[in-house]
Amino acid sequence: MAFGTGNHETTCMMMEYLSELDPKGQTVLDMGCGTGLLGIYASMLGAKEVTSIDIDNWAFEATVENSRINKINNLEAFIGDVALLGNKSFDIILANIQKNIILQDIEKYVSVLNDEGILILSGFYKNDLEEIFGKASELMLTKIEIKENNNWIAFALRK
């Protein structure tokens, strides 16, 4: 089974957060989008605009195809990394990526996150939370909530 099917604990928790946030009318970034599931779900929940980015060509193609199948017209998919973000801005950023990438890229996420915007991080274990939260605190992000499922963590922060 490919990552991005929605069955993994981290993906489920990210979807829970999206449901709770009600992204209607919001701009959403899905970093490390995999098959595009989270961006597609955000669009279905009423997001105004969704940007999905992954470094993998297969993930890009899967996101484009899954968006087409689901008749999602407000999602743009790209192959690349945070360098593609430039000076865009987002209300909600989803990053379901492993710990080292989160730590490497979190400053860029914060730079493109609107004031009062929400950053949702997942893809790491409970024992990585302290290090990630430490970095988030340095960047003046405040904790909203932490979800845990089978030792996996999803973590919501506000700018």
N, C-alpha and C. Protein backbone atom coordinates (compact mmCIF):
# COMPACT_ATOMS: atom_id res chain seq x y z
N MET A 1 0.83 -1.18 0.00
CA MET A 1 0.00 0.00 0.00
C MET A 1 0.88 1.25 0.00
N ALA A 2 0.57 2.16 -0.84
CA ALA A 2 1.34 3.41 -0.94
C ALA A 2 1.01 4.32 0.23
N PHE A 3 2.01 5.10 0.65
CA PHE A 3 1.76 6.13 1.66
C PHE A 3 0.85 7.17 1.03
N GLY A 4 -0.14 7.58 1.75
CA GLY A 4 -1.07 8.56 1.20
C GLY A 4 -2.42 7.96 0.88
N THR A 5 -2.64 6.72 1.35
CA THR A 5 -3.94 6.08 1.12
C THR A 5 -4.97 6.53 2.15
N GLY A 6 -4.49 7.15 3.22
CA GLY A 6 -5.40 7.59 4.27
C GLY A 6 -5.47 6.62 5.43
N ASN A 7 -4.82 5.49 5.32
CA ASN A 7 -4.87 4.48 6.38
C ASN A 7 -3.82 4.67 7.46
N HIS A 8 -2.77 5.41 7.18
CA HIS A 8 -1.71 5.59 8.16
C HIS A 8 -2.19 6.51 9.28
N GLU A 9 -1.72 6.25 10.49
CA GLU A 9 -2.14 7.03 11.66
C GLU A 9 -1.93 8.53 11.47
N THR A 10 -0.80 8.92 10.89
CA THR A 10 -0.52 10.35 10.74
C THR A 10 -1.51 11.00 9.78
N THR A 11 -1.83 10.31 8.70
CA THR A 11 -2.78 10.87 7.72
C THR A 11 -4.16 11.00 8.35
N CYS A 12 -4.56 10.01 9.11
CA CYS A 12 -5.86 10.07 9.79
C CYS A 12 -5.94 11.26 10.74
N MET A 13 -4.87 11.47 11.51
CA MET A 13 -4.88 12.60 12.45
C MET A 13 -4.89 13.94 11.71
N MET A 14 -4.17 14.02 10.59
CA MET A 14 -4.18 15.26 9.80
C MET A 14 -5.59 15.54 9.27
N MET A 15 -6.27 14.49 8.83
CA MET A 15 -7.65 14.65 8.34
C MET A 15 -8.57 15.08 9.47
N GLU A 16 -8.36 14.55 10.67
CA GLU A 16 -9.15 15.00 11.83
C GLU A 16 -8.97 16.49 12.06
N TYR A 17 -7.72 16.94 12.02
CA TYR A 17 -7.45 18.37 12.20
C TYR A 17 -8.16 19.20 11.14
N LEU A 18 -8.08 18.78 9.89
CA LEU A 18 -8.75 19.53 8.82
C LEU A 18 -10.25 19.63 9.08
N SER A 19 -10.85 18.54 9.50
CA SER A 19 -12.28 18.55 9.81
C SER A 19 -12.60 19.52 10.94
N GLU A 20 -11.76 19.53 11.95
CA GLU A 20 -11.99 20.40 13.10
C GLU A 20 -11.75 21.88 12.77
N LEU A 21 -10.81 22.15 11.87
CA LEU A 21 -10.46 23.53 11.53
C LEU A 21 -11.46 24.21 10.61
N ASP A 22 -12.18 23.42 9.83
CA ASP A 22 -13.09 23.97 8.84
C ASP A 22 -12.36 24.95 7.92
N PRO A 23 -11.63 24.43 6.94
CA PRO A 23 -10.81 25.28 6.07
C PRO A 23 -11.57 26.08 5.02
N LYS A 24 -12.88 26.18 5.16
CA LYS A 24 -13.70 26.90 4.18
C LYS A 24 -13.15 28.31 3.96
N GLY A 25 -12.89 28.63 2.69
CA GLY A 25 -12.41 29.96 2.32
C GLY A 25 -10.94 30.21 2.61
N GLN A 26 -10.21 29.20 3.08
CA GLN A 26 -8.81 29.36 3.46
C GLN A 26 -7.87 28.92 2.33
N THR A 27 -6.66 29.44 2.37
CA THR A 27 -5.61 28.96 1.46
C THR A 27 -4.82 27.90 2.22
N VAL A 28 -4.59 26.76 1.55
CA VAL A 28 -3.98 25.61 2.20
C VAL A 28 -2.76 25.16 1.41
N LEU A 29 -1.69 24.84 2.14
CA LEU A 29 -0.48 24.25 1.57
C LEU A 29 -0.33 22.84 2.13
N ASP A 30 -0.15 21.87 1.25
CA ASP A 30 0.12 20.49 1.64
C ASP A 30 1.53 20.14 1.19
N MET A 31 2.49 20.22 2.12
CA MET A 31 3.89 19.90 1.82
C MET A 31 4.12 18.41 2.00
N GLY A 32 4.78 17.81 1.02
CA GLY A 32 4.99 16.36 1.05
C GLY A 32 3.66 15.68 0.81
N CYS A 33 2.98 16.09 -0.24
CA CYS A 33 1.57 15.74 -0.45
C CYS A 33 1.31 14.27 -0.77
N GLY A 34 2.32 13.52 -1.15
CA GLY A 34 2.06 12.11 -1.46
C GLY A 34 1.04 11.99 -2.58
N THR A 35 -0.05 11.31 -2.34
CA THR A 35 -1.09 11.10 -3.35
C THR A 35 -2.05 12.27 -3.47
N GLY A 36 -1.87 13.30 -2.63
CA GLY A 36 -2.73 14.48 -2.68
C GLY A 36 -3.95 14.40 -1.78
N LEU A 37 -4.04 13.35 -1.00
CA LEU A 37 -5.23 13.11 -0.19
C LEU A 37 -5.60 14.29 0.71
N LEU A 38 -4.63 14.85 1.43
CA LEU A 38 -4.95 15.93 2.36
C LEU A 38 -5.39 17.20 1.64
N GLY A 39 -4.72 17.53 0.55
CA GLY A 39 -5.11 18.70 -0.22
C GLY A 39 -6.50 18.53 -0.84
N ILE A 40 -6.76 17.35 -1.34
CA ILE A 40 -8.08 17.06 -1.92
C ILE A 40 -9.15 17.17 -0.84
N TYR A 41 -8.87 16.62 0.32
CA TYR A 41 -9.83 16.69 1.43
C TYR A 41 -10.07 18.15 1.84
N ALA A 42 -9.00 18.93 1.92
CA ALA A 42 -9.15 20.36 2.26
C ALA A 42 -10.05 21.05 1.24
N SER A 43 -9.86 20.74 -0.03
CA SER A 43 -10.70 21.32 -1.08
C SER A 43 -12.16 20.90 -0.90
N MET A 44 -12.37 19.63 -0.64
CA MET A 44 -13.74 19.13 -0.43
C MET A 44 -14.42 19.79 0.77
N LEU A 45 -13.60 20.20 1.75
CA LEU A 45 -14.15 20.89 2.92
C LEU A 45 -14.33 22.39 2.68
N GLY A 46 -14.01 22.86 1.48
CA GLY A 46 -14.29 24.24 1.13
C GLY A 46 -13.10 25.17 1.07
N ALA A 47 -11.88 24.64 1.13
CA ALA A 47 -10.70 25.51 1.01
C ALA A 47 -10.80 26.31 -0.28
N LYS A 48 -10.39 27.56 -0.22
CA LYS A 48 -10.45 28.44 -1.38
C LYS A 48 -9.44 28.02 -2.44
N GLU A 49 -8.23 27.69 -1.97
CA GLU A 49 -7.13 27.38 -2.87
C GLU A 49 -6.18 26.42 -2.16
N VAL A 50 -5.72 25.40 -2.88
CA VAL A 50 -4.81 24.41 -2.30
C VAL A 50 -3.56 24.29 -3.18
N THR A 51 -2.41 24.33 -2.53
CA THR A 51 -1.14 24.09 -3.19
C THR A 51 -0.56 22.81 -2.61
N SER A 52 -0.24 21.85 -3.47
CA SER A 52 0.32 20.57 -3.04
C SER A 52 1.70 20.39 -3.66
N ILE A 53 2.68 20.07 -2.81
CA ILE A 53 4.06 19.96 -3.27
C ILE A 53 4.67 18.67 -2.76
N ASP A 54 5.41 17.99 -3.63
CA ASP A 54 6.16 16.80 -3.23
C ASP A 54 7.43 16.74 -4.08
N ILE A 55 8.48 16.16 -3.52
CA ILE A 55 9.74 16.04 -4.26
C ILE A 55 9.72 14.88 -5.24
N ASP A 56 8.73 14.02 -5.13
CA ASP A 56 8.67 12.79 -5.91
C ASP A 56 7.75 12.96 -7.13
N ASN A 57 8.25 12.60 -8.31
CA ASN A 57 7.46 12.72 -9.53
C ASN A 57 6.21 11.84 -9.48
N TRP A 58 6.36 10.62 -8.92
CA TRP A 58 5.19 9.74 -8.82
C TRP A 58 4.11 10.39 -7.96
N ALA A 59 4.50 11.01 -6.84
CA ALA A 59 3.53 11.68 -5.97
C ALA A 59 2.84 12.82 -6.71
N PHE A 60 3.61 13.60 -7.45
CA PHE A 60 3.03 14.69 -8.24
C PHE A 60 1.98 14.14 -9.21
N GLU A 61 2.34 13.11 -9.96
CA GLU A 61 1.41 12.52 -10.93
C GLU A 61 0.17 11.95 -10.25
N ALA A 62 0.37 11.31 -9.10
CA ALA A 62 -0.77 10.76 -8.35
C ALA A 62 -1.69 11.87 -7.87
N THR A 63 -1.11 12.97 -7.41
CA THR A 63 -1.92 14.10 -6.94
C THR A 63 -2.74 14.70 -8.08
N VAL A 64 -2.10 14.90 -9.22
CA VAL A 64 -2.81 15.44 -10.38
C VAL A 64 -3.95 14.51 -10.79
N GLU A 65 -3.67 13.21 -10.87
CA GLU A 65 -4.69 12.24 -11.28
C GLU A 65 -5.82 12.15 -10.25
N ASN A 66 -5.48 12.11 -8.98
CA ASN A 66 -6.52 12.01 -7.95
C ASN A 66 -7.37 13.27 -7.88
N SER A 67 -6.77 14.42 -8.14
CA SER A 67 -7.54 15.67 -8.20
C SER A 67 -8.52 15.63 -9.37
N ARG A 68 -8.04 15.14 -10.51
CA ARG A 68 -8.91 15.04 -11.69
C ARG A 68 -10.08 14.09 -11.42
N ILE A 69 -9.77 12.92 -10.88
CA ILE A 69 -10.81 11.92 -10.60
C ILE A 69 -11.87 12.47 -9.65
N ASN A 70 -11.42 13.27 -8.67
CA ASN A 70 -12.33 13.82 -7.67
C ASN A 70 -12.90 15.18 -8.05
N LYS A 71 -12.63 15.61 -9.29
CA LYS A 71 -13.15 16.87 -9.82
C LYS A 71 -12.78 18.07 -8.93
N ILE A 72 -11.51 18.08 -8.52
CA ILE A 72 -10.98 19.17 -7.70
C ILE A 72 -10.32 20.17 -8.65
N ASN A 73 -10.85 21.38 -8.70
CA ASN A 73 -10.37 22.38 -9.65
C ASN A 73 -9.56 23.50 -9.02
N ASN A 74 -9.44 23.49 -7.70
CA ASN A 74 -8.73 24.58 -7.04
C ASN A 74 -7.43 24.09 -6.39
N LEU A 75 -6.88 22.99 -6.88
CA LEU A 75 -5.62 22.44 -6.36
C LEU A 75 -4.57 22.49 -7.44
N GLU A 76 -3.43 23.12 -7.09
CA GLU A 76 -2.26 23.13 -7.99
C GLU A 76 -1.20 22.25 -7.36
N ALA A 77 -0.66 21.33 -8.16
CA ALA A 77 0.39 20.43 -7.68
C ALA A 77 1.72 20.79 -8.33
N PHE A 78 2.79 20.62 -7.56
CA PHE A 78 4.13 20.94 -8.04
C PHE A 78 5.11 19.89 -7.57
N ILE A 79 6.17 19.69 -8.37
CA ILE A 79 7.29 18.84 -7.97
C ILE A 79 8.38 19.76 -7.43
N GLY A 80 8.81 19.50 -6.19
CA GLY A 80 9.87 20.31 -5.61
C GLY A 80 9.80 20.32 -4.11
N ASP A 81 10.42 21.35 -3.52
CA ASP A 81 10.47 21.47 -2.08
C ASP A 81 10.12 22.90 -1.68
N VAL A 82 10.51 23.31 -0.48
CA VAL A 82 10.13 24.64 0.02
C VAL A 82 10.65 25.78 -0.84
N ALA A 83 11.64 25.53 -1.66
CA ALA A 83 12.16 26.58 -2.54
C ALA A 83 11.08 27.09 -3.49
N LEU A 84 10.06 26.29 -3.74
CA LEU A 84 8.97 26.69 -4.63
C LEU A 84 8.03 27.72 -3.98
N LEU A 85 8.10 27.87 -2.68
CA LEU A 85 7.12 28.70 -1.97
C LEU A 85 7.32 30.19 -2.20
N GLY A 86 8.55 30.60 -2.43
CA GLY A 86 8.79 32.02 -2.67
C GLY A 86 8.18 32.87 -1.58
N ASN A 87 7.35 33.83 -1.97
CA ASN A 87 6.70 34.71 -0.99
C ASN A 87 5.19 34.52 -0.96
N LYS A 88 4.74 33.32 -1.35
CA LYS A 88 3.31 33.02 -1.25
C LYS A 88 2.91 33.05 0.21
N SER A 89 1.62 33.03 0.48
CA SER A 89 1.16 32.98 1.87
C SER A 89 -0.03 32.03 1.98
N PHE A 90 -0.16 31.44 3.18
CA PHE A 90 -1.18 30.42 3.41
C PHE A 90 -1.81 30.61 4.78
N ASP A 91 -3.08 30.21 4.89
CA ASP A 91 -3.78 30.23 6.16
C ASP A 91 -3.54 28.95 6.95
N ILE A 92 -3.40 27.83 6.23
CA ILE A 92 -3.18 26.53 6.85
C ILE A 92 -2.05 25.84 6.09
N ILE A 93 -1.09 25.32 6.83
CA ILE A 93 -0.01 24.54 6.23
C ILE A 93 -0.02 23.15 6.85
N LEU A 94 -0.05 22.15 6.00
CA LEU A 94 0.00 20.75 6.42
C LEU A 94 1.36 20.19 6.02
N ALA A 95 2.06 19.59 6.96
CA ALA A 95 3.35 18.97 6.64
C ALA A 95 3.41 17.61 7.34
N ASN A 96 3.02 16.59 6.63
CA ASN A 96 3.05 15.22 7.14
C ASN A 96 4.32 14.58 6.57
N ILE A 97 5.44 14.98 7.16
CA ILE A 97 6.77 14.64 6.65
C ILE A 97 7.62 14.20 7.84
N GLN A 98 8.66 13.46 7.58
CA GLN A 98 9.51 12.99 8.68
C GLN A 98 10.23 14.14 9.40
N LYS A 99 10.64 13.85 10.61
CA LYS A 99 11.20 14.84 11.54
C LYS A 99 12.30 15.72 10.95
N ASN A 100 13.28 15.12 10.31
CA ASN A 100 14.42 15.91 9.82
C ASN A 100 14.02 16.95 8.79
N ILE A 101 13.08 16.61 7.94
CA ILE A 101 12.59 17.57 6.93
C ILE A 101 11.80 18.69 7.62
N ILE A 102 10.99 18.33 8.60
CA ILE A 102 10.24 19.35 9.34
C ILE A 102 11.21 20.34 9.98
N LEU A 103 12.22 19.83 10.67
CA LEU A 103 13.18 20.71 11.34
C LEU A 103 13.95 21.57 10.34
N GLN A 104 14.25 21.01 9.19
CA GLN A 104 14.97 21.74 8.15
C GLN A 104 14.12 22.84 7.53
N ASP A 105 12.82 22.60 7.38
CA ASP A 105 11.96 23.50 6.61
C ASP A 105 10.99 24.35 7.43
N ILE A 106 10.92 24.15 8.73
CA ILE A 106 9.89 24.83 9.53
C ILE A 106 10.02 26.36 9.46
N GLU A 107 11.23 26.88 9.37
CA GLU A 107 11.37 28.34 9.28
C GLU A 107 10.72 28.88 8.01
N LYS A 108 10.84 28.15 6.92
CA LYS A 108 10.21 28.58 5.66
C LYS A 108 8.69 28.48 5.79
N TYR A 109 8.20 27.41 6.43
CA TYR A 109 6.74 27.30 6.64
C TYR A 109 6.23 28.52 7.40
N VAL A 110 6.93 28.89 8.46
CA VAL A 110 6.50 30.04 9.27
C VAL A 110 6.55 31.32 8.45
N SER A 111 7.53 31.45 7.57
CA SER A 111 7.65 32.68 6.78
C SER A 111 6.51 32.85 5.78
N VAL A 112 5.86 31.77 5.37
CA VAL A 112 4.75 31.87 4.41
C VAL A 112 3.38 31.65 5.06
N LEU A 113 3.38 31.47 6.39
CA LEU A 113 2.14 31.28 7.13
C LEU A 113 1.59 32.65 7.53
N ASN A 114 0.34 32.90 7.20
CA ASN A 114 -0.29 34.17 7.57
C ASN A 114 -0.37 34.31 9.09
N ASP A 115 -0.43 35.55 9.57
CA ASP A 115 -0.64 35.79 11.00
C ASP A 115 -1.92 35.09 11.42
N GLU A 116 -1.88 34.46 12.57
CA GLU A 116 -2.98 33.65 13.10
C GLU A 116 -3.19 32.36 12.30
N GLY A 117 -2.31 32.08 11.35
CA GLY A 117 -2.40 30.86 10.56
C GLY A 117 -2.07 29.63 11.39
N ILE A 118 -2.44 28.47 10.86
CA ILE A 118 -2.27 27.20 11.55
C ILE A 118 -1.27 26.34 10.78
N LEU A 119 -0.30 25.81 11.52
CA LEU A 119 0.66 24.86 10.98
C LEU A 119 0.40 23.52 11.65
N ILE A 120 0.15 22.49 10.84
CA ILE A 120 -0.10 21.15 11.38
C ILE A 120 1.02 20.25 10.91
N LEU A 121 1.72 19.68 11.87
CA LEU A 121 2.88 18.83 11.59
C LEU A 121 2.59 17.40 12.01
N SER A 122 3.05 16.45 11.21
CA SER A 122 2.96 15.05 11.58
C SER A 122 4.00 14.28 10.78
N GLY A 123 4.05 12.98 11.01
CA GLY A 123 5.01 12.13 10.32
C GLY A 123 6.17 11.74 11.22
N PHE A 124 6.03 11.96 12.51
CA PHE A 124 7.11 11.67 13.45
C PHE A 124 6.55 11.01 14.70
N TYR A 125 7.46 10.46 15.49
CA TYR A 125 7.08 9.74 16.71
C TYR A 125 7.03 10.65 17.93
N LYS A 126 6.39 10.15 18.96
CA LYS A 126 6.23 10.89 20.21
C LYS A 126 7.57 11.35 20.78
N ASN A 127 8.60 10.51 20.68
CA ASN A 127 9.89 10.90 21.25
C ASN A 127 10.59 12.03 20.47
N ASP A 128 10.06 12.41 19.30
CA ASP A 128 10.60 13.54 18.52
C ASP A 128 9.89 14.85 18.84
N LEU A 129 8.81 14.78 19.58
CA LEU A 129 7.96 15.94 19.81
C LEU A 129 8.71 17.08 20.52
N GLU A 130 9.48 16.76 21.54
CA GLU A 130 10.17 17.80 22.30
C GLU A 130 11.11 18.63 21.41
N GLU A 131 11.85 17.96 20.54
CA GLU A 131 12.77 18.67 19.64
C GLU A 131 12.01 19.56 18.66
N ILE A 132 10.94 19.04 18.10
CA ILE A 132 10.15 19.82 17.14
C ILE A 132 9.44 20.98 17.84
N PHE A 133 8.89 20.72 19.03
CA PHE A 133 8.23 21.79 19.77
C PHE A 133 9.23 22.88 20.17
N GLY A 134 10.44 22.48 20.52
CA GLY A 134 11.48 23.46 20.85
C GLY A 134 11.75 24.39 19.70
N LYS A 135 11.88 23.84 18.51
CA LYS A 135 12.12 24.66 17.32
C LYS A 135 10.91 25.56 17.03
N ALA A 136 9.71 25.00 17.17
CA ALA A 136 8.49 25.78 16.93
C ALA A 136 8.38 26.95 17.92
N SER A 137 8.75 26.71 19.16
CA SER A 137 8.71 27.76 20.18
C SER A 137 9.69 28.88 19.85
N GLU A 138 10.88 28.51 19.37
CA GLU A 138 11.86 29.52 18.97
C GLU A 138 11.30 30.43 17.88
N LEU A 139 10.41 29.89 17.06
CA LEU A 139 9.82 30.63 15.94
C LEU A 139 8.51 31.32 16.34
N MET A 140 8.25 31.35 17.65
CA MET A 140 7.10 32.06 18.21
C MET A 140 5.76 31.42 17.83
N LEU A 141 5.75 30.12 17.57
CA LEU A 141 4.51 29.39 17.33
C LEU A 141 3.96 28.93 18.68
N THR A 142 2.64 28.96 18.81
CA THR A 142 2.03 28.48 20.05
C THR A 142 1.28 27.19 19.80
N LYS A 143 1.37 26.31 20.76
CA LYS A 143 0.72 25.00 20.66
C LYS A 143 -0.78 25.14 20.78
N ILE A 144 -1.49 24.49 19.89
CA ILE A 144 -2.95 24.42 19.97
C ILE A 144 -3.34 23.07 20.57
N GLU A 145 -2.81 22.00 19.98
CA GLU A 145 -3.21 20.66 20.40
C GLU A 145 -2.21 19.64 19.87
N ILE A 146 -2.10 18.54 20.59
CA ILE A 146 -1.30 17.41 20.17
C ILE A 146 -2.21 16.19 20.11
N LYS A 147 -2.13 15.46 19.00
CA LYS A 147 -2.84 14.19 18.87
C LYS A 147 -1.81 13.08 18.82
N GLU A 148 -2.17 11.93 19.37
CA GLU A 148 -1.28 10.78 19.34
C GLU A 148 -2.06 9.54 18.95
N ASN A 149 -1.45 8.71 18.11
CA ASN A 149 -2.06 7.45 17.69
C ASN A 149 -0.94 6.45 17.45
N ASN A 150 -0.88 5.40 18.26
CA ASN A 150 0.16 4.36 18.14
C ASN A 150 1.57 4.94 18.14
N ASN A 151 1.82 5.90 19.01
CA ASN A 151 3.12 6.55 19.18
C ASN A 151 3.45 7.55 18.06
N TRP A 152 2.58 7.71 17.07
CA TRP A 152 2.73 8.74 16.05
C TRP A 152 2.08 10.02 16.57
N ILE A 153 2.60 11.17 16.15
CA ILE A 153 2.12 12.46 16.64
C ILE A 153 1.64 13.34 15.49
N ALA A 154 0.59 14.09 15.75
CA ALA A 154 0.17 15.22 14.90
C ALA A 154 0.05 16.41 15.85
N PHE A 155 0.54 17.54 15.41
CA PHE A 155 0.77 18.68 16.30
C PHE A 155 0.29 19.94 15.59
N ALA A 156 -0.67 20.65 16.18
CA ALA A 156 -1.19 21.89 15.59
C ALA A 156 -0.62 23.10 16.34
N LEU A 157 -0.17 24.08 15.57
CA LEU A 157 0.45 25.29 16.10
C LEU A 157 -0.16 26.51 15.43
N ARG A 158 -0.16 27.62 16.15
CA ARG A 158 -0.67 28.89 15.59
C ARG A 158 0.46 29.91 15.56
N LYS A 159 0.47 30.68 14.48
CA LYS A 159 1.46 31.75 14.34
C LYS A 159 0.97 33.00 15.07
